Amino acid sequence: MDAGDHKLTFENGVISIKTMFEYNWIVREEWLKWCEDVPIEELLRPRIGGVGGILHTLFHVIDVEWSWIQVMLGRPDFQDSFNLYNRLEKVCELEATFRPDVLQFLRNWDESMETRAFQDTKPDGSIATYTWGEIMRHMIAHEIHHVGQLSIWAREIGKKPISANLIGKNLILPTANYIH
C-alpha cells in the first residue's frame, strides 16, 4: 500500500488519533520495506523481548490493530497463528487485507466515540470496562513500543533502523499565515 493511500483528514490542525495511526502506518510500511533486504532467517530468529522475532512482531502489530477494532464493533477477532504468515509476503498481504477496514473505521471516527464503553471479559471471568478512545490510544502506543524493539533488533544485526521521528513525515502541514 502506498503511503498516500491512507491519507486521513482531521479538523482544526489538531494532532488526532487519525494522525497517529497514519504515522504508525508510514513507519510500519518503512519497516516492511526494510525487511526486504534482511535474510528470512534473521526475520524469523527469536529475539529477547517482544512476541518473537522481527517478522512476528510486525505480524503482531497488524493483528492487534485490526483485532481491537473488530471486537469494538462486536465482530469476531482474528485468531490465525503466525505460523501461517511466516514470510514477508504473507505479512504484507495481511496488512493489505486489514488496512481498508481500519481506515474505514478511522474515517468514521468522531468525538462521540471517545467515551463509548467497551466491556472486556478477562480470562478469570472478571469484566473490565474501557472507553473506545482509551483503546485507540493503547493501539497507537502499542505499535510505537514495538517499533522501539524493532530498532534494537535492527542494530543487533548491523542494520540501520527505520527512523521513528514524526517530524518530516508531512502529517501536519504548516499554515501559510504564521511562520516563526
N, C-alpha and C. Protein backbone atom coordinates (compact mmCIF):
# COMPACT_ATOMS: atom_id res chain seq x y z
N MET A 1 0.86 -1.18 0.00
CA MET A 1 0.00 0.00 0.00
C MET A 1 0.90 1.23 0.00
N ASP A 2 0.63 2.15 -0.86
CA ASP A 2 1.41 3.38 -0.96
C ASP A 2 1.05 4.29 0.20
N ALA A 3 2.04 5.03 0.71
CA ALA A 3 1.83 5.92 1.86
C ALA A 3 0.67 6.88 1.64
N GLY A 4 0.46 7.33 0.43
CA GLY A 4 -0.62 8.26 0.14
C GLY A 4 -2.00 7.64 0.16
N ASP A 5 -2.08 6.31 0.13
CA ASP A 5 -3.36 5.62 0.09
C ASP A 5 -4.15 5.72 1.38
N HIS A 6 -3.51 6.13 2.44
CA HIS A 6 -4.21 6.14 3.73
C HIS A 6 -4.30 7.54 4.33
N LYS A 7 -4.25 8.54 3.49
CA LYS A 7 -4.38 9.90 3.99
C LYS A 7 -5.73 10.11 4.65
N LEU A 8 -5.70 10.64 5.85
CA LEU A 8 -6.91 10.91 6.60
C LEU A 8 -7.03 12.42 6.79
N THR A 9 -8.22 12.88 6.95
CA THR A 9 -8.40 14.29 7.24
C THR A 9 -8.60 14.45 8.74
N PHE A 10 -8.28 15.61 9.24
CA PHE A 10 -8.55 15.91 10.63
C PHE A 10 -8.92 17.37 10.71
N GLU A 11 -9.53 17.73 11.82
CA GLU A 11 -10.08 19.07 11.91
C GLU A 11 -9.21 20.01 12.73
N ASN A 12 -9.18 21.24 12.33
CA ASN A 12 -8.54 22.33 13.06
C ASN A 12 -7.05 22.10 13.30
N GLY A 13 -6.40 21.27 12.48
CA GLY A 13 -4.98 21.06 12.63
C GLY A 13 -4.58 20.35 13.91
N VAL A 14 -5.52 19.81 14.65
CA VAL A 14 -5.22 19.16 15.91
C VAL A 14 -4.65 17.78 15.63
N ILE A 15 -3.53 17.46 16.26
CA ILE A 15 -2.99 16.12 16.10
C ILE A 15 -3.98 15.16 16.74
N SER A 16 -4.39 14.21 15.99
CA SER A 16 -5.51 13.38 16.41
C SER A 16 -5.13 11.91 16.38
N ILE A 17 -6.06 11.11 16.82
CA ILE A 17 -5.91 9.66 16.71
C ILE A 17 -5.61 9.30 15.26
N LYS A 18 -6.32 9.91 14.34
CA LYS A 18 -6.14 9.60 12.92
C LYS A 18 -4.72 9.91 12.48
N THR A 19 -4.17 11.03 12.92
CA THR A 19 -2.81 11.41 12.56
C THR A 19 -1.81 10.40 13.10
N MET A 20 -2.02 9.94 14.32
CA MET A 20 -1.09 8.98 14.91
C MET A 20 -1.19 7.60 14.25
N PHE A 21 -2.37 7.21 13.83
CA PHE A 21 -2.47 5.97 13.07
C PHE A 21 -1.73 6.11 11.75
N GLU A 22 -1.90 7.24 11.10
CA GLU A 22 -1.21 7.48 9.83
C GLU A 22 0.30 7.44 10.04
N TYR A 23 0.77 8.05 11.12
CA TYR A 23 2.20 7.99 11.46
C TYR A 23 2.64 6.53 11.61
N ASN A 24 1.90 5.75 12.39
CA ASN A 24 2.26 4.35 12.59
C ASN A 24 2.30 3.58 11.27
N TRP A 25 1.36 3.87 10.37
CA TRP A 25 1.33 3.18 9.08
C TRP A 25 2.55 3.52 8.23
N ILE A 26 2.94 4.78 8.23
CA ILE A 26 4.12 5.18 7.47
C ILE A 26 5.35 4.45 7.99
N VAL A 27 5.52 4.45 9.30
CA VAL A 27 6.67 3.78 9.90
C VAL A 27 6.60 2.27 9.65
N ARG A 28 5.42 1.69 9.78
CA ARG A 28 5.25 0.25 9.54
C ARG A 28 5.61 -0.10 8.10
N GLU A 29 5.16 0.70 7.14
CA GLU A 29 5.48 0.45 5.73
C GLU A 29 6.98 0.53 5.50
N GLU A 30 7.64 1.47 6.18
CA GLU A 30 9.09 1.59 6.05
C GLU A 30 9.78 0.35 6.63
N TRP A 31 9.26 -0.17 7.75
CA TRP A 31 9.83 -1.39 8.33
C TRP A 31 9.61 -2.59 7.40
N LEU A 32 8.43 -2.70 6.82
CA LEU A 32 8.18 -3.81 5.90
C LEU A 32 9.12 -3.73 4.69
N LYS A 33 9.35 -2.54 4.19
CA LYS A 33 10.29 -2.35 3.08
C LYS A 33 11.72 -2.69 3.54
N TRP A 34 12.08 -2.27 4.74
CA TRP A 34 13.39 -2.56 5.33
C TRP A 34 13.64 -4.07 5.37
N CYS A 35 12.61 -4.83 5.68
CA CYS A 35 12.71 -6.28 5.79
C CYS A 35 13.10 -6.96 4.48
N GLU A 36 12.84 -6.30 3.36
CA GLU A 36 13.13 -6.90 2.05
C GLU A 36 14.61 -7.23 1.88
N ASP A 37 15.48 -6.51 2.58
CA ASP A 37 16.93 -6.70 2.45
C ASP A 37 17.52 -7.52 3.60
N VAL A 38 16.66 -8.18 4.37
CA VAL A 38 17.12 -8.96 5.52
C VAL A 38 16.83 -10.44 5.23
N PRO A 39 17.82 -11.30 5.44
CA PRO A 39 17.57 -12.73 5.23
C PRO A 39 16.41 -13.23 6.11
N ILE A 40 15.62 -14.14 5.55
CA ILE A 40 14.45 -14.64 6.26
C ILE A 40 14.85 -15.25 7.62
N GLU A 41 16.03 -15.84 7.69
CA GLU A 41 16.47 -16.42 8.96
C GLU A 41 16.57 -15.36 10.05
N GLU A 42 17.02 -14.17 9.69
CA GLU A 42 17.11 -13.06 10.66
C GLU A 42 15.72 -12.54 11.01
N LEU A 43 14.83 -12.49 10.02
CA LEU A 43 13.47 -12.00 10.29
C LEU A 43 12.72 -12.94 11.23
N LEU A 44 13.02 -14.22 11.16
CA LEU A 44 12.31 -15.22 11.96
C LEU A 44 13.02 -15.56 13.28
N ARG A 45 14.29 -15.20 13.41
CA ARG A 45 15.07 -15.55 14.60
C ARG A 45 14.38 -15.02 15.86
N PRO A 46 14.17 -15.89 16.85
CA PRO A 46 13.59 -15.42 18.12
C PRO A 46 14.49 -14.38 18.77
N ARG A 47 13.90 -13.35 19.28
CA ARG A 47 14.63 -12.24 19.92
C ARG A 47 14.22 -12.13 21.38
N ILE A 48 15.06 -11.49 22.15
CA ILE A 48 14.73 -11.25 23.56
C ILE A 48 13.75 -10.10 23.62
N GLY A 49 12.66 -10.31 24.33
CA GLY A 49 11.62 -9.29 24.45
C GLY A 49 10.62 -9.43 23.32
N GLY A 50 9.52 -8.77 23.46
CA GLY A 50 8.51 -8.78 22.41
C GLY A 50 7.80 -10.10 22.28
N VAL A 51 7.22 -10.32 21.13
CA VAL A 51 6.42 -11.52 20.88
C VAL A 51 7.21 -12.58 20.12
N GLY A 52 8.42 -12.31 19.78
CA GLY A 52 9.22 -13.25 18.99
C GLY A 52 10.28 -12.50 18.24
N GLY A 53 10.31 -12.69 16.94
CA GLY A 53 11.31 -12.03 16.11
C GLY A 53 10.76 -10.82 15.40
N ILE A 54 11.53 -10.35 14.45
CA ILE A 54 11.19 -9.13 13.71
C ILE A 54 9.88 -9.30 12.94
N LEU A 55 9.79 -10.35 12.13
CA LEU A 55 8.59 -10.54 11.32
C LEU A 55 7.37 -10.85 12.18
N HIS A 56 7.58 -11.63 13.24
CA HIS A 56 6.47 -11.95 14.14
C HIS A 56 5.93 -10.68 14.81
N THR A 57 6.82 -9.77 15.14
CA THR A 57 6.40 -8.51 15.77
C THR A 57 5.59 -7.66 14.79
N LEU A 58 6.00 -7.59 13.54
CA LEU A 58 5.22 -6.85 12.54
C LEU A 58 3.85 -7.49 12.34
N PHE A 59 3.82 -8.81 12.26
CA PHE A 59 2.54 -9.53 12.20
C PHE A 59 1.68 -9.17 13.41
N HIS A 60 2.27 -9.17 14.57
CA HIS A 60 1.56 -8.90 15.82
C HIS A 60 0.91 -7.51 15.84
N VAL A 61 1.64 -6.47 15.41
CA VAL A 61 1.05 -5.12 15.46
C VAL A 61 -0.09 -4.99 14.45
N ILE A 62 0.04 -5.65 13.30
CA ILE A 62 -1.04 -5.64 12.32
C ILE A 62 -2.27 -6.35 12.87
N ASP A 63 -2.05 -7.51 13.47
CA ASP A 63 -3.12 -8.29 14.08
C ASP A 63 -3.82 -7.52 15.20
N VAL A 64 -3.05 -6.95 16.11
CA VAL A 64 -3.63 -6.24 17.26
C VAL A 64 -4.46 -5.05 16.80
N GLU A 65 -3.96 -4.29 15.86
CA GLU A 65 -4.69 -3.12 15.36
C GLU A 65 -6.06 -3.54 14.81
N TRP A 66 -6.08 -4.51 13.93
CA TRP A 66 -7.33 -4.95 13.30
C TRP A 66 -8.24 -5.63 14.33
N SER A 67 -7.66 -6.47 15.17
CA SER A 67 -8.46 -7.24 16.13
C SER A 67 -9.19 -6.35 17.13
N TRP A 68 -8.52 -5.32 17.65
CA TRP A 68 -9.20 -4.42 18.59
C TRP A 68 -10.41 -3.76 17.94
N ILE A 69 -10.23 -3.31 16.73
CA ILE A 69 -11.34 -2.65 16.04
C ILE A 69 -12.48 -3.64 15.82
N GLN A 70 -12.16 -4.86 15.44
CA GLN A 70 -13.20 -5.86 15.24
C GLN A 70 -13.98 -6.13 16.52
N VAL A 71 -13.28 -6.29 17.64
CA VAL A 71 -14.00 -6.59 18.89
C VAL A 71 -14.79 -5.38 19.37
N MET A 72 -14.29 -4.16 19.13
CA MET A 72 -15.07 -2.98 19.50
C MET A 72 -16.38 -2.94 18.71
N LEU A 73 -16.33 -3.41 17.47
CA LEU A 73 -17.52 -3.42 16.61
C LEU A 73 -18.37 -4.67 16.82
N GLY A 74 -17.98 -5.52 17.76
CA GLY A 74 -18.75 -6.73 18.05
C GLY A 74 -18.56 -7.83 17.03
N ARG A 75 -17.47 -7.80 16.30
CA ARG A 75 -17.18 -8.80 15.27
C ARG A 75 -16.14 -9.79 15.80
N PRO A 76 -16.03 -10.94 15.13
CA PRO A 76 -15.03 -11.93 15.56
C PRO A 76 -13.60 -11.40 15.43
N ASP A 77 -12.77 -11.78 16.37
CA ASP A 77 -11.36 -11.43 16.41
C ASP A 77 -10.57 -12.33 15.46
N PHE A 78 -9.43 -11.85 15.02
CA PHE A 78 -8.51 -12.62 14.18
C PHE A 78 -7.78 -13.62 15.06
N GLN A 79 -7.79 -14.88 14.68
CA GLN A 79 -7.20 -15.92 15.52
C GLN A 79 -6.10 -16.73 14.82
N ASP A 80 -5.71 -16.37 13.60
CA ASP A 80 -4.71 -17.16 12.89
C ASP A 80 -3.35 -17.09 13.59
N SER A 81 -2.62 -18.16 13.47
CA SER A 81 -1.28 -18.27 14.04
C SER A 81 -0.26 -17.61 13.12
N PHE A 82 0.79 -17.09 13.73
CA PHE A 82 1.89 -16.52 12.95
C PHE A 82 2.49 -17.56 12.01
N ASN A 83 2.42 -18.82 12.38
CA ASN A 83 2.98 -19.87 11.52
C ASN A 83 2.39 -19.86 10.11
N LEU A 84 1.19 -19.34 9.96
CA LEU A 84 0.57 -19.23 8.64
C LEU A 84 1.06 -18.00 7.87
N TYR A 85 1.80 -17.12 8.54
CA TYR A 85 2.24 -15.85 7.95
C TYR A 85 3.74 -15.63 8.13
N ASN A 86 4.52 -16.69 8.15
CA ASN A 86 5.94 -16.56 8.49
C ASN A 86 6.84 -16.26 7.29
N ARG A 87 6.30 -15.51 6.36
CA ARG A 87 7.06 -14.98 5.22
C ARG A 87 6.67 -13.52 5.05
N LEU A 88 7.63 -12.72 4.63
CA LEU A 88 7.37 -11.28 4.48
C LEU A 88 6.19 -11.03 3.57
N GLU A 89 6.10 -11.75 2.47
CA GLU A 89 4.99 -11.54 1.52
C GLU A 89 3.64 -11.78 2.20
N LYS A 90 3.57 -12.78 3.07
CA LYS A 90 2.32 -13.12 3.76
C LYS A 90 1.94 -12.01 4.74
N VAL A 91 2.91 -11.45 5.45
CA VAL A 91 2.63 -10.36 6.39
C VAL A 91 2.18 -9.12 5.62
N CYS A 92 2.81 -8.86 4.49
CA CYS A 92 2.40 -7.72 3.66
C CYS A 92 0.98 -7.92 3.11
N GLU A 93 0.65 -9.13 2.74
CA GLU A 93 -0.72 -9.43 2.28
C GLU A 93 -1.73 -9.22 3.40
N LEU A 94 -1.39 -9.64 4.60
CA LEU A 94 -2.28 -9.45 5.74
C LEU A 94 -2.50 -7.96 5.99
N GLU A 95 -1.42 -7.20 5.93
CA GLU A 95 -1.51 -5.74 6.09
C GLU A 95 -2.46 -5.15 5.04
N ALA A 96 -2.29 -5.55 3.81
CA ALA A 96 -3.13 -5.03 2.72
C ALA A 96 -4.59 -5.45 2.88
N THR A 97 -4.83 -6.60 3.46
CA THR A 97 -6.19 -7.09 3.69
C THR A 97 -6.87 -6.33 4.83
N PHE A 98 -6.14 -6.10 5.90
CA PHE A 98 -6.72 -5.48 7.10
C PHE A 98 -6.81 -3.95 7.02
N ARG A 99 -5.87 -3.30 6.35
CA ARG A 99 -5.81 -1.84 6.35
C ARG A 99 -7.10 -1.18 5.91
N PRO A 100 -7.78 -1.62 4.86
CA PRO A 100 -9.01 -0.93 4.46
C PRO A 100 -10.07 -0.89 5.56
N ASP A 101 -10.19 -1.97 6.33
CA ASP A 101 -11.16 -1.98 7.44
C ASP A 101 -10.79 -0.97 8.52
N VAL A 102 -9.50 -0.92 8.84
CA VAL A 102 -9.03 0.02 9.86
C VAL A 102 -9.23 1.45 9.36
N LEU A 103 -8.88 1.68 8.11
CA LEU A 103 -9.04 3.01 7.51
C LEU A 103 -10.50 3.45 7.53
N GLN A 104 -11.40 2.56 7.18
CA GLN A 104 -12.83 2.90 7.19
C GLN A 104 -13.30 3.24 8.61
N PHE A 105 -12.85 2.47 9.57
CA PHE A 105 -13.20 2.74 10.96
C PHE A 105 -12.72 4.13 11.37
N LEU A 106 -11.49 4.46 11.01
CA LEU A 106 -10.93 5.77 11.36
C LEU A 106 -11.63 6.91 10.63
N ARG A 107 -12.01 6.68 9.40
CA ARG A 107 -12.73 7.72 8.65
C ARG A 107 -14.07 8.03 9.32
N ASN A 108 -14.66 7.04 9.96
CA ASN A 108 -15.93 7.23 10.65
C ASN A 108 -15.78 7.68 12.09
N TRP A 109 -14.55 7.79 12.58
CA TRP A 109 -14.30 8.17 13.96
C TRP A 109 -14.77 9.59 14.21
N ASP A 110 -15.49 9.77 15.30
CA ASP A 110 -15.88 11.12 15.71
C ASP A 110 -15.80 11.22 17.23
N GLU A 111 -15.94 12.43 17.70
CA GLU A 111 -15.76 12.70 19.13
C GLU A 111 -16.69 11.87 20.02
N SER A 112 -17.86 11.54 19.53
CA SER A 112 -18.80 10.77 20.34
C SER A 112 -18.30 9.36 20.64
N MET A 113 -17.35 8.88 19.86
CA MET A 113 -16.83 7.52 20.06
C MET A 113 -15.79 7.47 21.18
N GLU A 114 -15.24 8.62 21.54
CA GLU A 114 -14.19 8.70 22.56
C GLU A 114 -14.57 7.99 23.86
N THR A 115 -15.78 8.22 24.32
CA THR A 115 -16.19 7.71 25.63
C THR A 115 -17.14 6.52 25.54
N ARG A 116 -17.31 5.97 24.34
CA ARG A 116 -18.14 4.78 24.19
C ARG A 116 -17.52 3.64 25.00
N ALA A 117 -18.33 2.94 25.78
CA ALA A 117 -17.83 1.89 26.66
C ALA A 117 -17.58 0.59 25.91
N PHE A 118 -16.55 -0.10 26.33
CA PHE A 118 -16.25 -1.44 25.83
C PHE A 118 -16.00 -2.32 27.04
N GLN A 119 -16.71 -3.44 27.11
CA GLN A 119 -16.51 -4.37 28.22
C GLN A 119 -15.70 -5.56 27.74
N ASP A 120 -14.63 -5.81 28.46
CA ASP A 120 -13.70 -6.88 28.12
C ASP A 120 -13.77 -7.95 29.20
N THR A 121 -14.09 -9.17 28.81
CA THR A 121 -14.12 -10.27 29.76
C THR A 121 -12.72 -10.86 29.85
N LYS A 122 -12.17 -10.84 31.04
CA LYS A 122 -10.82 -11.34 31.30
C LYS A 122 -10.84 -12.86 31.41
N PRO A 123 -9.66 -13.49 31.29
CA PRO A 123 -9.60 -14.96 31.40
C PRO A 123 -10.17 -15.51 32.72
N ASP A 124 -10.09 -14.71 33.78
CA ASP A 124 -10.63 -15.18 35.07
C ASP A 124 -12.14 -14.94 35.21
N GLY A 125 -12.76 -14.40 34.15
CA GLY A 125 -14.20 -14.16 34.16
C GLY A 125 -14.59 -12.76 34.60
N SER A 126 -13.65 -12.00 35.16
CA SER A 126 -13.97 -10.63 35.56
C SER A 126 -14.15 -9.77 34.32
N ILE A 127 -14.82 -8.65 34.50
CA ILE A 127 -15.09 -7.74 33.39
C ILE A 127 -14.43 -6.40 33.66
N ALA A 128 -13.69 -5.94 32.68
CA ALA A 128 -13.07 -4.61 32.74
C ALA A 128 -13.77 -3.74 31.71
N THR A 129 -13.99 -2.49 32.06
CA THR A 129 -14.62 -1.55 31.14
C THR A 129 -13.62 -0.49 30.73
N TYR A 130 -13.49 -0.31 29.43
CA TYR A 130 -12.61 0.70 28.85
C TYR A 130 -13.44 1.60 27.95
N THR A 131 -12.86 2.71 27.56
CA THR A 131 -13.50 3.54 26.53
C THR A 131 -12.83 3.26 25.19
N TRP A 132 -13.58 3.51 24.12
CA TRP A 132 -13.01 3.33 22.79
C TRP A 132 -11.79 4.23 22.59
N GLY A 133 -11.86 5.45 23.10
CA GLY A 133 -10.73 6.37 22.97
C GLY A 133 -9.49 5.83 23.67
N GLU A 134 -9.69 5.23 24.81
CA GLU A 134 -8.58 4.63 25.55
C GLU A 134 -7.97 3.47 24.75
N ILE A 135 -8.81 2.64 24.17
CA ILE A 135 -8.34 1.51 23.37
C ILE A 135 -7.57 2.01 22.15
N MET A 136 -8.08 3.03 21.50
CA MET A 136 -7.41 3.56 20.31
C MET A 136 -6.02 4.08 20.65
N ARG A 137 -5.90 4.79 21.76
CA ARG A 137 -4.60 5.31 22.16
C ARG A 137 -3.67 4.18 22.60
N HIS A 138 -4.24 3.13 23.18
CA HIS A 138 -3.44 1.95 23.52
C HIS A 138 -2.85 1.34 22.25
N MET A 139 -3.66 1.23 21.19
CA MET A 139 -3.17 0.65 19.94
C MET A 139 -2.02 1.47 19.36
N ILE A 140 -2.13 2.78 19.45
CA ILE A 140 -1.07 3.66 18.96
C ILE A 140 0.21 3.43 19.76
N ALA A 141 0.09 3.47 21.09
CA ALA A 141 1.27 3.29 21.96
C ALA A 141 1.85 1.89 21.80
N HIS A 142 1.00 0.90 21.62
CA HIS A 142 1.43 -0.48 21.46
C HIS A 142 2.38 -0.62 20.26
N GLU A 143 1.99 -0.04 19.13
CA GLU A 143 2.84 -0.15 17.96
C GLU A 143 4.14 0.64 18.13
N ILE A 144 4.07 1.82 18.73
CA ILE A 144 5.27 2.62 18.95
C ILE A 144 6.24 1.85 19.85
N HIS A 145 5.71 1.17 20.86
CA HIS A 145 6.53 0.34 21.75
C HIS A 145 7.27 -0.73 20.94
N HIS A 146 6.55 -1.43 20.08
CA HIS A 146 7.17 -2.49 19.30
C HIS A 146 8.16 -1.96 18.27
N VAL A 147 7.94 -0.76 17.76
CA VAL A 147 8.91 -0.14 16.84
C VAL A 147 10.24 0.07 17.56
N GLY A 148 10.18 0.41 18.83
CA GLY A 148 11.41 0.53 19.61
C GLY A 148 12.16 -0.79 19.69
N GLN A 149 11.42 -1.88 19.86
CA GLN A 149 12.06 -3.21 19.89
C GLN A 149 12.68 -3.53 18.53
N LEU A 150 11.95 -3.23 17.46
CA LEU A 150 12.49 -3.47 16.12
C LEU A 150 13.79 -2.71 15.91
N SER A 151 13.86 -1.50 16.43
CA SER A 151 15.06 -0.67 16.28
C SER A 151 16.26 -1.31 16.97
N ILE A 152 16.04 -1.85 18.15
CA ILE A 152 17.13 -2.53 18.87
C ILE A 152 17.59 -3.76 18.10
N TRP A 153 16.63 -4.55 17.62
CA TRP A 153 16.98 -5.77 16.88
C TRP A 153 17.69 -5.45 15.57
N ALA A 154 17.31 -4.35 14.93
CA ALA A 154 17.99 -3.94 13.69
C ALA A 154 19.46 -3.68 13.98
N ARG A 155 19.74 -2.98 15.05
CA ARG A 155 21.14 -2.69 15.42
C ARG A 155 21.89 -3.98 15.76
N GLU A 156 21.19 -4.94 16.38
CA GLU A 156 21.83 -6.21 16.72
C GLU A 156 22.31 -6.96 15.48
N ILE A 157 21.62 -6.79 14.36
CA ILE A 157 22.05 -7.48 13.13
C ILE A 157 22.87 -6.57 12.22
N GLY A 158 23.24 -5.39 12.73
CA GLY A 158 24.13 -4.50 12.00
C GLY A 158 23.46 -3.65 10.94
N LYS A 159 22.16 -3.46 11.04
CA LYS A 159 21.44 -2.64 10.07
C LYS A 159 20.90 -1.38 10.75
N LYS A 160 20.87 -0.31 9.99
CA LYS A 160 20.30 0.94 10.50
C LYS A 160 18.79 0.79 10.64
N PRO A 161 18.23 1.15 11.80
CA PRO A 161 16.78 1.05 11.96
C PRO A 161 16.04 2.17 11.23
N ILE A 162 14.76 1.97 11.05
CA ILE A 162 13.89 2.99 10.48
C ILE A 162 13.71 4.10 11.52
N SER A 163 13.72 5.32 11.08
CA SER A 163 13.51 6.45 11.99
C SER A 163 12.08 6.45 12.51
N ALA A 164 11.96 6.65 13.80
CA ALA A 164 10.64 6.77 14.42
C ALA A 164 10.22 8.23 14.54
N ASN A 165 10.95 9.12 13.93
CA ASN A 165 10.68 10.55 14.03
C ASN A 165 9.37 10.92 13.34
N LEU A 166 8.49 11.57 14.07
CA LEU A 166 7.23 12.06 13.49
C LEU A 166 7.49 13.28 12.62
N ILE A 167 8.47 14.08 13.00
CA ILE A 167 8.80 15.28 12.24
C ILE A 167 9.33 14.89 10.87
N GLY A 168 8.86 15.59 9.86
CA GLY A 168 9.31 15.35 8.50
C GLY A 168 8.47 14.35 7.73
N LYS A 169 7.41 13.86 8.31
CA LYS A 169 6.55 12.91 7.62
C LYS A 169 5.36 13.60 6.96
N ASN A 170 5.30 14.94 7.04
CA ASN A 170 4.25 15.75 6.41
C ASN A 170 2.85 15.35 6.84
N LEU A 171 2.72 14.97 8.10
CA LEU A 171 1.41 14.61 8.63
C LEU A 171 0.61 15.84 9.04
N ILE A 172 1.31 16.87 9.42
CA ILE A 172 0.68 18.12 9.82
C ILE A 172 1.40 19.23 9.05
N LEU A 173 0.67 19.88 8.18
CA LEU A 173 1.29 20.89 7.33
C LEU A 173 1.14 22.28 7.95
N PRO A 174 2.15 23.12 7.76
CA PRO A 174 2.09 24.47 8.33
C PRO A 174 1.05 25.34 7.63
N THR A 175 0.53 26.28 8.40
CA THR A 175 -0.37 27.26 7.79
C THR A 175 0.48 28.34 7.13
N ALA A 176 -0.05 28.95 6.11
CA ALA A 176 0.70 29.97 5.39
C ALA A 176 0.72 31.29 6.13
N ASN A 177 -0.17 31.47 7.11
CA ASN A 177 -0.28 32.77 7.74
C ASN A 177 0.60 32.95 8.98
N TYR A 178 1.35 31.94 9.36
CA TYR A 178 2.23 32.10 10.50
C TYR A 178 3.49 31.28 10.31
N ILE A 179 4.62 31.96 10.26
CA ILE A 179 5.92 31.28 10.20
C ILE A 179 6.80 31.93 11.25
N HIS A 180 7.37 31.09 12.10
CA HIS A 180 8.21 31.57 13.20
C HIS A 180 9.62 31.73 12.74
